[in-house]
């Protein structure tokens, strides 16, 4: 019984680690599959496909990051922000910073991947950048960290914005006399629970039901 509980806690901790470093495990698994491919032609095709998908991802980060920055800029101007807890403003300013930095980094990484695309030896150089010098079948930690930084910052930005919004909406439940804001807060809490449940279900689907595609040697 105790062993089963510890195993479940270990799985929960592992999933929590994956979520907190979004999307580290997915990126690492994809790179590892490319690096461990023994057929050179197949490896080159996989690398080309990965680079194409990565550029599309960075383009999406640029667009979404800009939209988030615009939304947060509007939220910061709300008059209710001056009367709520200071943590809300801290979360939202941090969200603005993270979203802008993610856009900048995504922009520069897109340029870098474009340079790999036009270079005659681009694939060979990119492969060397992604793999460890002492073990070509293993991915280089710093390279993966740099490549995942835009979407990781964007994920943190979204989480911090939702956290600030939640605190602003829910705070009247313990701080103000009963009124319409309490009904709004209760309704929001229900929606928040449903949203968290939905995110948890998706994470379970990705990291548990599809763990085979994320495994690598």
Foldseek 3Di string as FASTA:
>chain_A
DVVVVVVVVVVVVVLVVCVLLPPLLQLQLLLLVLLPDPDPVVSLVSLVVVLVVLLVVLVVLLVVLVVLLVVLVVVLPDPLCVVADPLLVVLSVLLNVLSVVLNVLSVVVSVVSVVLVPDPCSSVVVLVQQADPVDSSHGDPVSSSSSRSSVSSNVSSVVSNVVSVLRSQQVCVPPPPDDPSNVSNVVVVVVVVVVVVVVVVVSCCVCPVVVVSSDDD
